[in-house]
Amino acid sequence: MTNLNKRLIDVTVGELLDLIEERVNTKVVVDTTKESKRYVYGLAGIAEIFNCSKTTANRIKQSGKIDGAVRQIGNLIVVDADLAIALAGRIEKNKYTKKKKL
């Protein structure tokens, strides 16, 4: 590292280039750990999430299994895809793990 208190008139070309290179090559750290939510729209979006037909997607929506992930304003349906998958999985898991009373 070059002495920053040196007069500019006393700096050599090599030292000047080193100083410029140090300043230009600063690293920028971007935080990529923040997850963004993935949204899908309409029955087609629900069908895409669950890999099913639009008719089946409508049944899933009407069943109430994914109500926590669905926001509907008029005809616009917005679904948080990750939350919908989690809700559907949790309900299906509970459905099959219930013990029958004898």
PDB file of N, CA and C in Angstrom:
ATOM      1  N   MET A   1       0.844  -1.172   0.000  1.00  0.00           N
ATOM      2  CA  MET A   1       0.000   0.000   0.000  1.00  0.00           C
ATOM      3  C   MET A   1       0.891   1.237   0.000  1.00  0.00           C
ATOM      4  N   THR A   2       0.537   2.176  -0.786  1.00  0.00           N
ATOM      5  CA  THR A   2       1.292   3.411  -0.920  1.00  0.00           C
ATOM      6  C   THR A   2       0.928   4.372   0.204  1.00  0.00           C
ATOM      7  N   ASN A   3       1.897   5.173   0.606  1.00  0.00           N
ATOM      8  CA  ASN A   3       1.667   6.168   1.641  1.00  0.00           C
ATOM      9  C   ASN A   3       0.684   7.217   1.117  1.00  0.00           C
ATOM     10  N   LEU A   4      -0.451   7.371   1.764  1.00  0.00           N
ATOM     11  CA  LEU A   4      -1.473   8.306   1.307  1.00  0.00           C
ATOM     12  C   LEU A   4      -1.156   9.751   1.677  1.00  0.00           C
ATOM     13  N   ASN A   5      -0.143   9.947   2.507  1.00  0.00           N
ATOM     14  CA  ASN A   5       0.228  11.303   2.904  1.00  0.00           C
ATOM     15  C   ASN A   5       1.321  11.895   2.008  1.00  0.00           C
ATOM     16  N   LYS A   6       1.749  11.166   1.004  1.00  0.00           N
ATOM     17  CA  LYS A   6       2.773  11.636   0.084  1.00  0.00           C
ATOM     18  C   LYS A   6       2.189  12.702  -0.834  1.00  0.00           C
ATOM     19  N   ARG A   7       2.982  13.680  -1.163  1.00  0.00           N
ATOM     20  CA  ARG A   7       2.520  14.727  -2.074  1.00  0.00           C
ATOM     21  C   ARG A   7       2.316  14.133  -3.463  1.00  0.00           C
ATOM     22  N   LEU A   8       1.330  14.632  -4.181  1.00  0.00           N
ATOM     23  CA  LEU A   8       1.023  14.133  -5.516  1.00  0.00           C
ATOM     24  C   LEU A   8       2.192  14.325  -6.473  1.00  0.00           C
ATOM     25  N   ILE A   9       2.920  15.366  -6.318  1.00  0.00           N
ATOM     26  CA  ILE A   9       4.046  15.638  -7.208  1.00  0.00           C
ATOM     27  C   ILE A   9       5.178  14.624  -7.012  1.00  0.00           C
ATOM     28  N   ASP A  10       5.242  13.981  -5.811  1.00  0.00           N
ATOM     29  CA  ASP A  10       6.286  13.012  -5.509  1.00  0.00           C
ATOM     30  C   ASP A  10       5.892  11.579  -5.850  1.00  0.00           C
ATOM     31  N   VAL A  11       4.642  11.333  -6.276  1.00  0.00           N
ATOM     32  CA  VAL A  11       4.154   9.990  -6.585  1.00  0.00           C
ATOM     33  C   VAL A  11       4.621   9.586  -7.979  1.00  0.00           C
ATOM     34  N   THR A  12       5.114   8.354  -8.093  1.00  0.00           N
ATOM     35  CA  THR A  12       5.524   7.851  -9.408  1.00  0.00           C
ATOM     36  C   THR A  12       4.292   7.367 -10.157  1.00  0.00           C
ATOM     37  N   VAL A  13       4.467   7.121 -11.439  1.00  0.00           N
ATOM     38  CA  VAL A  13       3.351   6.636 -12.264  1.00  0.00           C
ATOM     39  C   VAL A  13       2.893   5.274 -11.767  1.00  0.00           C
ATOM     40  N   GLY A  14       3.830   4.417 -11.400  1.00  0.00           N
ATOM     41  CA  GLY A  14       3.480   3.083 -10.893  1.00  0.00           C
ATOM     42  C   GLY A  14       2.673   3.162  -9.613  1.00  0.00           C
ATOM     43  N   GLU A  15       3.081   4.051  -8.699  1.00  0.00           N
ATOM     44  CA  GLU A  15       2.340   4.219  -7.455  1.00  0.00           C
ATOM     45  C   GLU A  15       0.946   4.781  -7.714  1.00  0.00           C
ATOM     46  N   LEU A  16       0.831   5.699  -8.657  1.00  0.00           N
ATOM     47  CA  LEU A  16      -0.469   6.269  -9.007  1.00  0.00           C
ATOM     48  C   LEU A  16      -1.392   5.202  -9.588  1.00  0.00           C
ATOM     49  N   LEU A  17      -0.832   4.355 -10.468  1.00  0.00           N
ATOM     50  CA  LEU A  17      -1.635   3.272 -11.043  1.00  0.00           C
ATOM     51  C   LEU A  17      -2.062   2.275  -9.962  1.00  0.00           C
ATOM     52  N   ASP A  18      -1.182   1.993  -9.015  1.00  0.00           N
ATOM     53  CA  ASP A  18      -1.541   1.092  -7.916  1.00  0.00           C
ATOM     54  C   ASP A  18      -2.680   1.667  -7.075  1.00  0.00           C
ATOM     55  N   LEU A  19      -2.611   2.962  -6.797  1.00  0.00           N
ATOM     56  CA  LEU A  19      -3.678   3.610  -6.028  1.00  0.00           C
ATOM     57  C   LEU A  19      -5.009   3.565  -6.767  1.00  0.00           C
ATOM     58  N   ILE A  20      -4.965   3.839  -8.057  1.00  0.00           N
ATOM     59  CA  ILE A  20      -6.197   3.812  -8.856  1.00  0.00           C
ATOM     60  C   ILE A  20      -6.765   2.397  -8.885  1.00  0.00           C
ATOM     61  N   GLU A  21      -5.874   1.413  -9.068  1.00  0.00           N
ATOM     62  CA  GLU A  21      -6.325   0.021  -9.134  1.00  0.00           C
ATOM     63  C   GLU A  21      -6.952  -0.413  -7.809  1.00  0.00           C
ATOM     64  N   GLU A  22      -6.378  -0.003  -6.688  1.00  0.00           N
ATOM     65  CA  GLU A  22      -6.941  -0.332  -5.379  1.00  0.00           C
ATOM     66  C   GLU A  22      -8.345   0.230  -5.215  1.00  0.00           C
ATOM     67  N   ARG A  23      -8.545   1.449  -5.679  1.00  0.00           N
ATOM     68  CA  ARG A  23      -9.855   2.094  -5.530  1.00  0.00           C
ATOM     69  C   ARG A  23     -10.894   1.506  -6.478  1.00  0.00           C
ATOM     70  N   VAL A  24     -10.461   1.136  -7.679  1.00  0.00           N
ATOM     71  CA  VAL A  24     -11.394   0.622  -8.680  1.00  0.00           C
ATOM     72  C   VAL A  24     -11.805  -0.804  -8.364  1.00  0.00           C
ATOM     73  N   ASN A  25     -10.922  -1.600  -7.836  1.00  0.00           N
ATOM     74  CA  ASN A  25     -11.186  -3.018  -7.611  1.00  0.00           C
ATOM     75  C   ASN A  25     -11.812  -3.299  -6.252  1.00  0.00           C
ATOM     76  N   THR A  26     -12.589  -2.391  -5.728  1.00  0.00           N
ATOM     77  CA  THR A  26     -13.280  -2.663  -4.478  1.00  0.00           C
ATOM     78  C   THR A  26     -14.395  -3.666  -4.750  1.00  0.00           C
ATOM     79  N   LYS A  27     -14.599  -4.556  -3.828  1.00  0.00           N
ATOM     80  CA  LYS A  27     -15.606  -5.602  -4.001  1.00  0.00           C
ATOM     81  C   LYS A  27     -16.932  -5.150  -3.410  1.00  0.00           C
ATOM     82  N   VAL A  28     -17.978  -5.447  -4.133  1.00  0.00           N
ATOM     83  CA  VAL A  28     -19.326  -5.160  -3.663  1.00  0.00           C
ATOM     84  C   VAL A  28     -19.951  -6.488  -3.282  1.00  0.00           C
ATOM     85  N   VAL A  29     -20.416  -6.581  -2.055  1.00  0.00           N
ATOM     86  CA  VAL A  29     -21.025  -7.806  -1.567  1.00  0.00           C
ATOM     87  C   VAL A  29     -22.534  -7.642  -1.628  1.00  0.00           C
ATOM     88  N   VAL A  30     -23.182  -8.570  -2.333  1.00  0.00           N
ATOM     89  CA  VAL A  30     -24.635  -8.548  -2.469  1.00  0.00           C
ATOM     90  C   VAL A  30     -25.201  -9.698  -1.655  1.00  0.00           C
ATOM     91  N   ASP A  31     -26.140  -9.395  -0.798  1.00  0.00           N
ATOM     92  CA  ASP A  31     -26.766 -10.413   0.035  1.00  0.00           C
ATOM     93  C   ASP A  31     -27.815 -11.149  -0.783  1.00  0.00           C
ATOM     94  N   THR A  32     -27.500 -12.390  -1.151  1.00  0.00           N
ATOM     95  CA  THR A  32     -28.429 -13.188  -1.947  1.00  0.00           C
ATOM     96  C   THR A  32     -29.205 -14.174  -1.086  1.00  0.00           C
ATOM     97  N   THR A  33     -29.020 -14.119   0.217  1.00  0.00           N
ATOM     98  CA  THR A  33     -29.720 -15.052   1.082  1.00  0.00           C
ATOM     99  C   THR A  33     -31.180 -14.672   1.293  1.00  0.00           C
ATOM    100  N   LYS A  34     -31.510 -13.423   1.029  1.00  0.00           N
ATOM    101  CA  LYS A  34     -32.891 -12.999   1.193  1.00  0.00           C
ATOM    102  C   LYS A  34     -33.744 -13.646   0.099  1.00  0.00           C
ATOM    103  N   GLU A  35     -34.706 -14.415   0.545  1.00  0.00           N
ATOM    104  CA  GLU A  35     -35.555 -15.114  -0.406  1.00  0.00           C
ATOM    105  C   GLU A  35     -36.737 -14.237  -0.803  1.00  0.00           C
ATOM    106  N   SER A  36     -37.014 -14.228  -2.066  1.00  0.00           N
ATOM    107  CA  SER A  36     -38.179 -13.479  -2.516  1.00  0.00           C
ATOM    108  C   SER A  36     -39.337 -14.456  -2.705  1.00  0.00           C
ATOM    109  N   LYS A  37     -40.507 -13.969  -2.474  1.00  0.00           N
ATOM    110  CA  LYS A  37     -41.678 -14.830  -2.619  1.00  0.00           C
ATOM    111  C   LYS A  37     -41.996 -15.006  -4.089  1.00  0.00           C
ATOM    112  N   ARG A  38     -42.480 -16.176  -4.404  1.00  0.00           N
ATOM    113  CA  ARG A  38     -42.861 -16.484  -5.775  1.00  0.00           C
ATOM    114  C   ARG A  38     -44.381 -16.503  -5.826  1.00  0.00           C
ATOM    115  N   TYR A  39     -44.913 -15.683  -6.691  1.00  0.00           N
ATOM    116  CA  TYR A  39     -46.361 -15.587  -6.840  1.00  0.00           C
ATOM    117  C   TYR A  39     -46.777 -16.142  -8.192  1.00  0.00           C
ATOM    118  N   VAL A  40     -47.937 -16.768  -8.227  1.00  0.00           N
ATOM    119  CA  VAL A  40     -48.558 -17.192  -9.483  1.00  0.00           C
ATOM    120  C   VAL A  40     -49.953 -16.593  -9.508  1.00  0.00           C
ATOM    121  N   TYR A  41     -50.510 -16.532 -10.693  1.00  0.00           N
ATOM    122  CA  TYR A  41     -51.777 -15.835 -10.870  1.00  0.00           C
ATOM    123  C   TYR A  41     -52.814 -16.743 -11.521  1.00  0.00           C
ATOM    124  N   GLY A  42     -54.013 -16.706 -10.971  1.00  0.00           N
ATOM    125  CA  GLY A  42     -55.150 -17.393 -11.563  1.00  0.00           C
ATOM    126  C   GLY A  42     -55.136 -18.888 -11.340  1.00  0.00           C
ATOM    127  N   LEU A  43     -56.150 -19.520 -11.898  1.00  0.00           N
ATOM    128  CA  LEU A  43     -56.244 -20.977 -11.810  1.00  0.00           C
ATOM    129  C   LEU A  43     -55.115 -21.642 -12.580  1.00  0.00           C
ATOM    130  N   ALA A  44     -54.661 -20.984 -13.641  1.00  0.00           N
ATOM    131  CA  ALA A  44     -53.539 -21.527 -14.411  1.00  0.00           C
ATOM    132  C   ALA A  44     -52.284 -21.589 -13.535  1.00  0.00           C
ATOM    133  N   GLY A  45     -52.099 -20.590 -12.700  1.00  0.00           N
ATOM    134  CA  GLY A  45     -50.957 -20.598 -11.790  1.00  0.00           C
ATOM    135  C   GLY A  45     -51.053 -21.709 -10.760  1.00  0.00           C
ATOM    136  N   ILE A  46     -52.233 -21.920 -10.212  1.00  0.00           N
ATOM    137  CA  ILE A  46     -52.435 -23.014  -9.254  1.00  0.00           C
ATOM    138  C   ILE A  46     -52.206 -24.345  -9.943  1.00  0.00           C
ATOM    139  N   ALA A  47     -52.688 -24.470 -11.171  1.00  0.00           N
ATOM    140  CA  ALA A  47     -52.481 -25.696 -11.940  1.00  0.00           C
ATOM    141  C   ALA A  47     -50.995 -25.927 -12.187  1.00  0.00           C
ATOM    142  N   GLU A  48     -50.253 -24.857 -12.408  1.00  0.00           N
ATOM    143  CA  GLU A  48     -48.812 -24.970 -12.629  1.00  0.00           C
ATOM    144  C   GLU A  48     -48.103 -25.434 -11.355  1.00  0.00           C
ATOM    145  N   ILE A  49     -48.503 -24.908 -10.220  1.00  0.00           N
ATOM    146  CA  ILE A  49     -47.879 -25.287  -8.938  1.00  0.00           C
ATOM    147  C   ILE A  49     -48.047 -26.773  -8.673  1.00  0.00           C
ATOM    148  N   PHE A  50     -49.279 -27.254  -8.826  1.00  0.00           N
ATOM    149  CA  PHE A  50     -49.585 -28.629  -8.467  1.00  0.00           C
ATOM    150  C   PHE A  50     -49.543 -29.588  -9.659  1.00  0.00           C
ATOM    151  N   ASN A  51     -49.159 -29.084 -10.815  1.00  0.00           N
ATOM    152  CA  ASN A  51     -49.036 -29.897 -12.024  1.00  0.00           C
ATOM    153  C   ASN A  51     -50.330 -30.682 -12.290  1.00  0.00           C
ATOM    154  N   CYS A  52     -51.413 -29.929 -12.401  1.00  0.00           N
ATOM    155  CA  CYS A  52     -52.712 -30.543 -12.625  1.00  0.00           C
ATOM    156  C   CYS A  52     -53.495 -29.692 -13.621  1.00  0.00           C
ATOM    157  N   SER A  53     -54.720 -30.119 -13.915  1.00  0.00           N
ATOM    158  CA  SER A  53     -55.560 -29.369 -14.850  1.00  0.00           C
ATOM    159  C   SER A  53     -56.180 -28.171 -14.142  1.00  0.00           C
ATOM    160  N   LYS A  54     -56.751 -27.258 -14.923  1.00  0.00           N
ATOM    161  CA  LYS A  54     -57.412 -26.095 -14.335  1.00  0.00           C
ATOM    162  C   LYS A  54     -58.637 -26.512 -13.522  1.00  0.00           C
ATOM    163  N   THR A  55     -59.301 -27.567 -13.950  1.00  0.00           N
ATOM    164  CA  THR A  55     -60.468 -28.056 -13.216  1.00  0.00           C
ATOM    165  C   THR A  55     -60.056 -28.538 -11.827  1.00  0.00           C
ATOM    166  N   THR A  56     -58.969 -29.297 -11.767  1.00  0.00           N
ATOM    167  CA  THR A  56     -58.472 -29.779 -10.486  1.00  0.00           C
ATOM    168  C   THR A  56     -57.952 -28.617  -9.648  1.00  0.00           C
ATOM    169  N   ALA A  57     -57.333 -27.634 -10.302  1.00  0.00           N
ATOM    170  CA  ALA A  57     -56.856 -26.448  -9.596  1.00  0.00           C
ATOM    171  C   ALA A  57     -58.034 -25.715  -8.957  1.00  0.00           C
ATOM    172  N   ASN A  58     -59.138 -25.631  -9.660  1.00  0.00           N
ATOM    173  CA  ASN A  58     -60.334 -24.998  -9.109  1.00  0.00           C
ATOM    174  C   ASN A  58     -60.855 -25.786  -7.903  1.00  0.00           C
ATOM    175  N   ARG A  59     -60.805 -27.108  -7.967  1.00  0.00           N
ATOM    176  CA  ARG A  59     -61.238 -27.938  -6.834  1.00  0.00           C
ATOM    177  C   ARG A  59     -60.343 -27.703  -5.620  1.00  0.00           C
ATOM    178  N   ILE A  60     -59.021 -27.601  -5.868  1.00  0.00           N
ATOM    179  CA  ILE A  60     -58.080 -27.360  -4.770  1.00  0.00           C
ATOM    180  C   ILE A  60     -58.382 -26.015  -4.117  1.00  0.00           C
ATOM    181  N   LYS A  61     -58.602 -24.997  -4.948  1.00  0.00           N
ATOM    182  CA  LYS A  61     -58.896 -23.656  -4.425  1.00  0.00           C
ATOM    183  C   LYS A  61     -60.205 -23.662  -3.642  1.00  0.00           C
ATOM    184  N   GLN A  62     -61.237 -24.292  -4.182  1.00  0.00           N
ATOM    185  CA  GLN A  62     -62.543 -24.311  -3.535  1.00  0.00           C
ATOM    186  C   GLN A  62     -62.558 -25.169  -2.270  1.00  0.00           C
ATOM    187  N   SER A  63     -61.619 -26.122  -2.153  1.00  0.00           N
ATOM    188  CA  SER A  63     -61.596 -27.003  -0.980  1.00  0.00           C
ATOM    189  C   SER A  63     -61.173 -26.263   0.286  1.00  0.00           C
ATOM    190  N   GLY A  64     -60.481 -25.148   0.124  1.00  0.00           N
ATOM    191  CA  GLY A  64     -60.043 -24.385   1.281  1.00  0.00           C
ATOM    192  C   GLY A  64     -58.689 -24.800   1.812  1.00  0.00           C
ATOM    193  N   LYS A  65     -58.036 -25.761   1.170  1.00  0.00           N
ATOM    194  CA  LYS A  65     -56.742 -26.246   1.644  1.00  0.00           C
ATOM    195  C   LYS A  65     -55.662 -25.179   1.577  1.00  0.00           C
ATOM    196  N   ILE A  66     -55.761 -24.309   0.583  1.00  0.00           N
ATOM    197  CA  ILE A  66     -54.699 -23.317   0.390  1.00  0.00           C
ATOM    198  C   ILE A  66     -55.200 -21.888   0.626  1.00  0.00           C
ATOM    199  N   ASP A  67     -56.252 -21.750   1.403  1.00  0.00           N
ATOM    200  CA  ASP A  67     -56.841 -20.418   1.637  1.00  0.00           C
ATOM    201  C   ASP A  67     -55.850 -19.409   2.196  1.00  0.00           C
ATOM    202  N   GLY A  68     -54.895 -19.858   3.009  1.00  0.00           N
ATOM    203  CA  GLY A  68     -53.915 -18.955   3.591  1.00  0.00           C
ATOM    204  C   GLY A  68     -52.965 -18.362   2.557  1.00  0.00           C
ATOM    205  N   ALA A  69     -52.839 -19.011   1.407  1.00  0.00           N
ATOM    206  CA  ALA A  69     -51.907 -18.557   0.369  1.00  0.00           C
ATOM    207  C   ALA A  69     -52.609 -17.809  -0.751  1.00  0.00           C
ATOM    208  N   VAL A  70     -53.941 -17.809  -0.752  1.00  0.00           N
ATOM    209  CA  VAL A  70     -54.706 -17.228  -1.866  1.00  0.00           C
ATOM    210  C   VAL A  70     -55.268 -15.867  -1.477  1.00  0.00           C
ATOM    211  N   ARG A  71     -55.094 -14.911  -2.356  1.00  0.00           N
ATOM    212  CA  ARG A  71     -55.729 -13.588  -2.217  1.00  0.00           C
ATOM    213  C   ARG A  71     -56.525 -13.358  -3.491  1.00  0.00           C
ATOM    214  N   GLN A  72     -57.798 -13.085  -3.348  1.00  0.00           N
ATOM    215  CA  GLN A  72     -58.629 -12.845  -4.520  1.00  0.00           C
ATOM    216  C   GLN A  72     -59.291 -11.489  -4.398  1.00  0.00           C
ATOM    217  N   ILE A  73     -59.094 -10.693  -5.438  1.00  0.00           N
ATOM    218  CA  ILE A  73     -59.714  -9.369  -5.526  1.00  0.00           C
ATOM    219  C   ILE A  73     -60.491  -9.361  -6.836  1.00  0.00           C
ATOM    220  N   GLY A  74     -61.782  -9.468  -6.731  1.00  0.00           N
ATOM    221  CA  GLY A  74     -62.594  -9.562  -7.938  1.00  0.00           C
ATOM    222  C   GLY A  74     -62.262 -10.839  -8.682  1.00  0.00           C
ATOM    223  N   ASN A  75     -61.865 -10.698  -9.932  1.00  0.00           N
ATOM    224  CA  ASN A  75     -61.497 -11.862 -10.738  1.00  0.00           C
ATOM    225  C   ASN A  75     -60.014 -12.205 -10.646  1.00  0.00           C
ATOM    226  N   LEU A  76     -59.222 -11.356 -10.020  1.00  0.00           N
ATOM    227  CA  LEU A  76     -57.780 -11.573  -9.928  1.00  0.00           C
ATOM    228  C   LEU A  76     -57.462 -12.476  -8.743  1.00  0.00           C
ATOM    229  N   ILE A  77     -56.777 -13.580  -9.033  1.00  0.00           N
ATOM    230  CA  ILE A  77     -56.364 -14.523  -8.002  1.00  0.00           C
ATOM    231  C   ILE A  77     -54.842 -14.480  -7.924  1.00  0.00           C
ATOM    232  N   VAL A  78     -54.314 -14.189  -6.741  1.00  0.00           N
ATOM    233  CA  VAL A  78     -52.863 -14.159  -6.522  1.00  0.00           C
ATOM    234  C   VAL A  78     -52.543 -15.210  -5.475  1.00  0.00           C
ATOM    235  N   VAL A  79     -51.577 -16.092  -5.790  1.00  0.00           N
ATOM    236  CA  VAL A  79     -51.244 -17.196  -4.902  1.00  0.00           C
ATOM    237  C   VAL A  79     -49.763 -17.166  -4.573  1.00  0.00           C
ATOM    238  N   ASP A  80     -49.417 -17.236  -3.276  1.00  0.00           N
ATOM    239  CA  ASP A  80     -48.038 -17.409  -2.840  1.00  0.00           C
ATOM    240  C   ASP A  80     -47.712 -18.888  -3.045  1.00  0.00           C
ATOM    241  N   ALA A  81     -46.896 -19.193  -4.047  1.00  0.00           N
ATOM    242  CA  ALA A  81     -46.663 -20.572  -4.461  1.00  0.00           C
ATOM    243  C   ALA A  81     -46.052 -21.425  -3.351  1.00  0.00           C
ATOM    244  N   ASP A  82     -45.025 -20.919  -2.687  1.00  0.00           N
ATOM    245  CA  ASP A  82     -44.353 -21.709  -1.653  1.00  0.00           C
ATOM    246  C   ASP A  82     -45.278 -21.995  -0.478  1.00  0.00           C
ATOM    247  N   LEU A  83     -46.057 -21.001  -0.083  1.00  0.00           N
ATOM    248  CA  LEU A  83     -46.988 -21.196   1.018  1.00  0.00           C
ATOM    249  C   LEU A  83     -48.097 -22.176   0.627  1.00  0.00           C
ATOM    250  N   ALA A  84     -48.567 -22.105  -0.603  1.00  0.00           N
ATOM    251  CA  ALA A  84     -49.614 -23.022  -1.070  1.00  0.00           C
ATOM    252  C   ALA A  84     -49.123 -24.462  -1.036  1.00  0.00           C
ATOM    253  N   ILE A  85     -47.890 -24.679  -1.446  1.00  0.00           N
ATOM    254  CA  ILE A  85     -47.329 -26.034  -1.425  1.00  0.00           C
ATOM    255  C   ILE A  85     -47.198 -26.525   0.015  1.00  0.00           C
ATOM    256  N   ALA A  86     -46.742 -25.634   0.900  1.00  0.00           N
ATOM    257  CA  ALA A  86     -46.600 -26.014   2.308  1.00  0.00           C
ATOM    258  C   ALA A  86     -47.955 -26.335   2.933  1.00  0.00           C
ATOM    259  N   LEU A  87     -48.956 -25.522   2.659  1.00  0.00           N
ATOM    260  CA  LEU A  87     -50.288 -25.758   3.226  1.00  0.00           C
ATOM    261  C   LEU A  87     -50.895 -27.047   2.695  1.00  0.00           C
ATOM    262  N   ALA A  88     -50.773 -27.283   1.409  1.00  0.00           N
ATOM    263  CA  ALA A  88     -51.347 -28.498   0.819  1.00  0.00           C
ATOM    264  C   ALA A  88     -50.644 -29.726   1.370  1.00  0.00           C
ATOM    265  N   GLY A  89     -49.339 -29.647   1.532  1.00  0.00           N
ATOM    266  CA  GLY A  89     -48.581 -30.777   2.069  1.00  0.00           C
ATOM    267  C   GLY A  89     -48.921 -31.060   3.515  1.00  0.00           C
ATOM    268  N   ARG A  90     -49.072 -30.000   4.309  1.00  0.00           N
ATOM    269  CA  ARG A  90     -49.380 -30.173   5.725  1.00  0.00           C
ATOM    270  C   ARG A  90     -50.759 -30.791   5.895  1.00  0.00           C
ATOM    271  N   ILE A  91     -51.724 -30.369   5.117  1.00  0.00           N
ATOM    272  CA  ILE A  91     -53.084 -30.894   5.241  1.00  0.00           C
ATOM    273  C   ILE A  91     -53.138 -32.344   4.783  1.00  0.00           C
ATOM    274  N   GLU A  92     -52.445 -32.635   3.666  1.00  0.00           N
ATOM    275  CA  GLU A  92     -52.425 -34.015   3.172  1.00  0.00           C
ATOM    276  C   GLU A  92     -51.742 -34.930   4.190  1.00  0.00           C
ATOM    277  N   LYS A  93     -50.665 -34.459   4.785  1.00  0.00           N
ATOM    278  CA  LYS A  93     -49.942 -35.251   5.767  1.00  0.00           C
ATOM    279  C   LYS A  93     -50.830 -35.555   6.961  1.00  0.00           C
ATOM    280  N   ASN A  94     -51.547 -34.547   7.466  1.00  0.00           N
ATOM    281  CA  ASN A  94     -52.447 -34.749   8.600  1.00  0.00           C
ATOM    282  C   ASN A  94     -53.599 -35.665   8.244  1.00  0.00           C
ATOM    283  N   LYS A  95     -54.065 -35.572   7.018  1.00  0.00           N
ATOM    284  CA  LYS A  95     -55.202 -36.372   6.572  1.00  0.00           C
ATOM    285  C   LYS A  95     -54.880 -37.864   6.647  1.00  0.00           C
ATOM    286  N   TYR A  96     -53.651 -38.229   6.270  1.00  0.00           N
ATOM    287  CA  TYR A  96     -53.296 -39.642   6.212  1.00  0.00           C
ATOM    288  C   TYR A  96     -52.673 -40.154   7.507  1.00  0.00           C
ATOM    289  N   THR A  97     -52.308 -39.271   8.400  1.00  0.00           N
ATOM    290  CA  THR A  97     -51.670 -39.734   9.635  1.00  0.00           C
ATOM    291  C   THR A  97     -52.631 -39.786  10.810  1.00  0.00           C
ATOM    292  N   LYS A  98     -53.895 -39.442  10.593  1.00  0.00           N
ATOM    293  CA  LYS A  98     -54.868 -39.527  11.682  1.00  0.00           C
ATOM    294  C   LYS A  98     -55.091 -40.994  12.045  1.00  0.00           C
ATOM    295  N   LYS A  99     -55.176 -41.229  13.336  1.00  0.00           N
ATOM    296  CA  LYS A  99     -55.436 -42.594  13.802  1.00  0.00           C
ATOM    297  C   LYS A  99     -56.934 -42.776  14.000  1.00  0.00           C
ATOM    298  N   LYS A 100     -57.406 -43.909  13.594  1.00  0.00           N
ATOM    299  CA  LYS A 100     -58.830 -44.202  13.765  1.00  0.00           C
ATOM    300  C   LYS A 100     -59.077 -44.697  15.188  1.00  0.00           C
ATOM    301  N   LYS A 101     -60.163 -44.231  15.772  1.00  0.00           N
ATOM    302  CA  LYS A 101     -60.558 -44.692  17.093  1.00  0.00           C
ATOM    303  C   LYS A 101     -61.306 -46.006  16.949  1.00  0.00           C
ATOM    304  N   LEU A 102     -60.977 -46.936  17.834  1.00  0.00           N
ATOM    305  CA  LEU A 102     -61.653 -48.245  17.779  1.00  0.00           C
ATOM    306  C   LEU A 102     -62.821 -48.312  18.705  1.00  0.00           C
TER     307      LEU A 102
END
